Amino acid sequence: SDEKVITFQEAGPKMPSGNVRNEKLKVTLGIMPDFSGVEKQGLRADLVIKDKPADKAGMKSGDVIVAIDGYPIGDVYEYMERLSKLKAGQIITVEVLREDQKEVLIVQL
């Protein structure tokens, strides 16, 4: 796979030093999540990486992921936990809020 590994430096005390950064995920949506936690519910995609699964499904930067396959996503930890249970090639639904409108995207991992 030609995936680039991106590491994040933590800025400030927002995230406890868990194992989120070190966890190797089998699948990726191809987004850069917003780690600041400004969203009360869901996880905002700060950046959608071109030609990755989220981009191909029509996700846009700024979309807020609120559910993956019907499981609510409240923060980056729930997002990572959900992705860890999925397999490459799987087709999933990703529910997002875009400008207060709910959209359901069909994503192939």
C-alpha atoms as a PDB file:
ATOM      1  CA  SER A   1       0.000   0.000   0.000  1.00  0.00           C
ATOM      2  CA  ASP A   2       1.240   3.479  -0.792  1.00  0.00           C
ATOM      3  CA  GLU A   3      -0.321   5.037   2.317  1.00  0.00           C
ATOM      4  CA  LYS A   4       1.776   7.737   3.903  1.00  0.00           C
ATOM      5  CA  VAL A   5       1.934   7.528   7.671  1.00  0.00           C
ATOM      6  CA  ILE A   6       1.007  10.836   9.236  1.00  0.00           C
ATOM      7  CA  THR A   7       1.915  11.460  12.846  1.00  0.00           C
ATOM      8  CA  PHE A   8       0.305  14.152  14.922  1.00  0.00           C
ATOM      9  CA  GLN A   9       1.982  16.225  17.574  1.00  0.00           C
ATOM     10  CA  GLU A  10      -0.301  16.941  20.465  1.00  0.00           C
ATOM     11  CA  ALA A  11      -0.885  20.598  21.152  1.00  0.00           C
ATOM     12  CA  GLY A  12      -2.053  21.176  24.684  1.00  0.00           C
ATOM     13  CA  PRO A  13      -3.835  19.013  27.230  1.00  0.00           C
ATOM     14  CA  LYS A  14      -7.010  18.302  25.221  1.00  0.00           C
ATOM     15  CA  MET A  15      -6.317  14.621  24.523  1.00  0.00           C
ATOM     16  CA  PRO A  16      -5.131  12.309  27.273  1.00  0.00           C
ATOM     17  CA  SER A  17      -2.012  10.430  26.263  1.00  0.00           C
ATOM     18  CA  GLY A  18      -3.816   7.310  25.134  1.00  0.00           C
ATOM     19  CA  ASN A  19      -2.734   4.922  22.434  1.00  0.00           C
ATOM     20  CA  VAL A  20      -4.750   6.592  19.674  1.00  0.00           C
ATOM     21  CA  ARG A  21      -1.738   7.828  17.731  1.00  0.00           C
ATOM     22  CA  ASN A  22       0.102   4.514  17.880  1.00  0.00           C
ATOM     23  CA  GLU A  23      -2.847   2.352  16.917  1.00  0.00           C
ATOM     24  CA  LYS A  24      -2.392   0.886  13.452  1.00  0.00           C
ATOM     25  CA  LEU A  25      -5.712   0.831  11.661  1.00  0.00           C
ATOM     26  CA  LYS A  26      -6.386  -1.762   8.987  1.00  0.00           C
ATOM     27  CA  VAL A  27      -8.657   0.624   7.101  1.00  0.00           C
ATOM     28  CA  THR A  28      -8.815   4.352   6.588  1.00  0.00           C
ATOM     29  CA  LEU A  29     -11.446   6.768   5.351  1.00  0.00           C
ATOM     30  CA  GLY A  30      -8.689   9.070   4.157  1.00  0.00           C
ATOM     31  CA  ILE A  31      -9.521  12.092   6.262  1.00  0.00           C
ATOM     32  CA  MET A  32      -7.557  14.309   8.596  1.00  0.00           C
ATOM     33  CA  PRO A  33      -9.791  14.429  11.686  1.00  0.00           C
ATOM     34  CA  ASP A  34     -10.191  17.548  13.785  1.00  0.00           C
ATOM     35  CA  PHE A  35      -8.475  16.686  17.073  1.00  0.00           C
ATOM     36  CA  SER A  36      -9.510  19.904  18.833  1.00  0.00           C
ATOM     37  CA  GLY A  37     -12.855  18.448  19.841  1.00  0.00           C
ATOM     38  CA  VAL A  38     -14.810  21.626  19.042  1.00  0.00           C
ATOM     39  CA  GLU A  39     -17.751  19.569  17.768  1.00  0.00           C
ATOM     40  CA  LYS A  40     -20.102  18.659  20.606  1.00  0.00           C
ATOM     41  CA  GLN A  41     -21.305  15.623  18.679  1.00  0.00           C
ATOM     42  CA  GLY A  42     -19.400  13.867  15.976  1.00  0.00           C
ATOM     43  CA  LEU A  43     -15.965  14.239  14.427  1.00  0.00           C
ATOM     44  CA  ARG A  44     -15.215  16.919  11.862  1.00  0.00           C
ATOM     45  CA  ALA A  45     -13.131  16.059   8.816  1.00  0.00           C
ATOM     46  CA  ASP A  46     -10.639  18.925   8.591  1.00  0.00           C
ATOM     47  CA  LEU A  47      -9.311  17.539   5.333  1.00  0.00           C
ATOM     48  CA  VAL A  48     -10.551  14.877   2.922  1.00  0.00           C
ATOM     49  CA  ILE A  49      -7.612  13.301   1.078  1.00  0.00           C
ATOM     50  CA  LYS A  50      -8.050  13.066  -2.690  1.00  0.00           C
ATOM     51  CA  ASP A  51      -8.830   9.621  -4.152  1.00  0.00           C
ATOM     52  CA  LYS A  52      -9.209   7.980  -0.733  1.00  0.00           C
ATOM     53  CA  PRO A  53     -12.483   6.217   0.264  1.00  0.00           C
ATOM     54  CA  ALA A  54     -14.143   9.281   1.866  1.00  0.00           C
ATOM     55  CA  ASP A  55     -13.321  11.470  -1.156  1.00  0.00           C
ATOM     56  CA  LYS A  56     -14.658   8.854  -3.597  1.00  0.00           C
ATOM     57  CA  ALA A  57     -17.887   8.670  -1.567  1.00  0.00           C
ATOM     58  CA  GLY A  58     -18.352  12.445  -1.782  1.00  0.00           C
ATOM     59  CA  MET A  59     -17.275  13.529   1.697  1.00  0.00           C
ATOM     60  CA  LYS A  60     -16.142  17.149   1.887  1.00  0.00           C
ATOM     61  CA  SER A  61     -13.772  18.951   4.256  1.00  0.00           C
ATOM     62  CA  GLY A  62     -15.839  20.332   7.123  1.00  0.00           C
ATOM     63  CA  ASP A  63     -18.324  17.439   7.115  1.00  0.00           C
ATOM     64  CA  VAL A  64     -19.018  16.164  10.626  1.00  0.00           C
ATOM     65  CA  ILE A  65     -19.114  12.368  10.921  1.00  0.00           C
ATOM     66  CA  VAL A  66     -21.943  11.458  13.302  1.00  0.00           C
ATOM     67  CA  ALA A  67     -22.267   7.715  12.604  1.00  0.00           C
ATOM     68  CA  ILE A  68     -20.449   4.863  10.865  1.00  0.00           C
ATOM     69  CA  ASP A  69     -22.651   1.907   9.900  1.00  0.00           C
ATOM     70  CA  GLY A  70     -25.315   3.144  12.301  1.00  0.00           C
ATOM     71  CA  TYR A  71     -22.953   3.385  15.293  1.00  0.00           C
ATOM     72  CA  PRO A  72     -22.847   6.923  16.720  1.00  0.00           C
ATOM     73  CA  ILE A  73     -19.468   8.656  16.530  1.00  0.00           C
ATOM     74  CA  GLY A  74     -19.021  11.221  19.290  1.00  0.00           C
ATOM     75  CA  ASP A  75     -15.285  11.873  19.144  1.00  0.00           C
ATOM     76  CA  VAL A  76     -11.949  10.746  17.719  1.00  0.00           C
ATOM     77  CA  TYR A  77     -11.765   7.775  20.104  1.00  0.00           C
ATOM     78  CA  GLU A  78     -15.107   6.360  18.958  1.00  0.00           C
ATOM     79  CA  TYR A  79     -14.052   6.954  15.346  1.00  0.00           C
ATOM     80  CA  MET A  80     -10.796   4.992  15.813  1.00  0.00           C
ATOM     81  CA  GLU A  81     -12.610   2.239  17.711  1.00  0.00           C
ATOM     82  CA  ARG A  82     -15.187   1.871  14.921  1.00  0.00           C
ATOM     83  CA  LEU A  83     -12.556   1.823  12.155  1.00  0.00           C
ATOM     84  CA  SER A  84     -10.585  -0.846  14.019  1.00  0.00           C
ATOM     85  CA  LYS A  85     -13.534  -3.231  13.564  1.00  0.00           C
ATOM     86  CA  LEU A  86     -13.813  -2.773   9.781  1.00  0.00           C
ATOM     87  CA  LYS A  87     -12.034  -4.564   6.955  1.00  0.00           C
ATOM     88  CA  ALA A  88     -10.545  -3.356   3.695  1.00  0.00           C
ATOM     89  CA  GLY A  89     -13.010  -3.704   0.838  1.00  0.00           C
ATOM     90  CA  GLN A  90     -16.018  -3.475   3.161  1.00  0.00           C
ATOM     91  CA  ILE A  91     -18.862  -1.162   2.114  1.00  0.00           C
ATOM     92  CA  ILE A  92     -20.142   0.986   4.971  1.00  0.00           C
ATOM     93  CA  THR A  93     -22.492   3.898   5.507  1.00  0.00           C
ATOM     94  CA  VAL A  94     -21.098   7.100   6.952  1.00  0.00           C
ATOM     95  CA  GLU A  95     -23.606   9.626   8.238  1.00  0.00           C
ATOM     96  CA  VAL A  96     -22.389  13.222   8.127  1.00  0.00           C
ATOM     97  CA  LEU A  97     -23.748  16.643   8.921  1.00  0.00           C
ATOM     98  CA  ARG A  98     -23.040  19.156   6.182  1.00  0.00           C
ATOM     99  CA  GLU A  99     -24.301  22.678   6.843  1.00  0.00           C
ATOM    100  CA  ASP A 100     -26.904  21.231   9.254  1.00  0.00           C
ATOM    101  CA  GLN A 101     -28.191  18.763   6.633  1.00  0.00           C
ATOM    102  CA  LYS A 102     -27.795  15.060   7.316  1.00  0.00           C
ATOM    103  CA  GLU A 103     -26.219  13.109   4.436  1.00  0.00           C
ATOM    104  CA  VAL A 104     -25.597   9.381   4.239  1.00  0.00           C
ATOM    105  CA  LEU A 105     -22.537   8.414   2.211  1.00  0.00           C
ATOM    106  CA  ILE A 106     -21.801   4.908   0.953  1.00  0.00           C
ATOM    107  CA  VAL A 107     -18.074   4.309   1.413  1.00  0.00           C
ATOM    108  CA  GLN A 108     -16.030   1.395   0.112  1.00  0.00           C
ATOM    109  CA  LEU A 109     -12.951   0.932   2.280  1.00  0.00           C
END
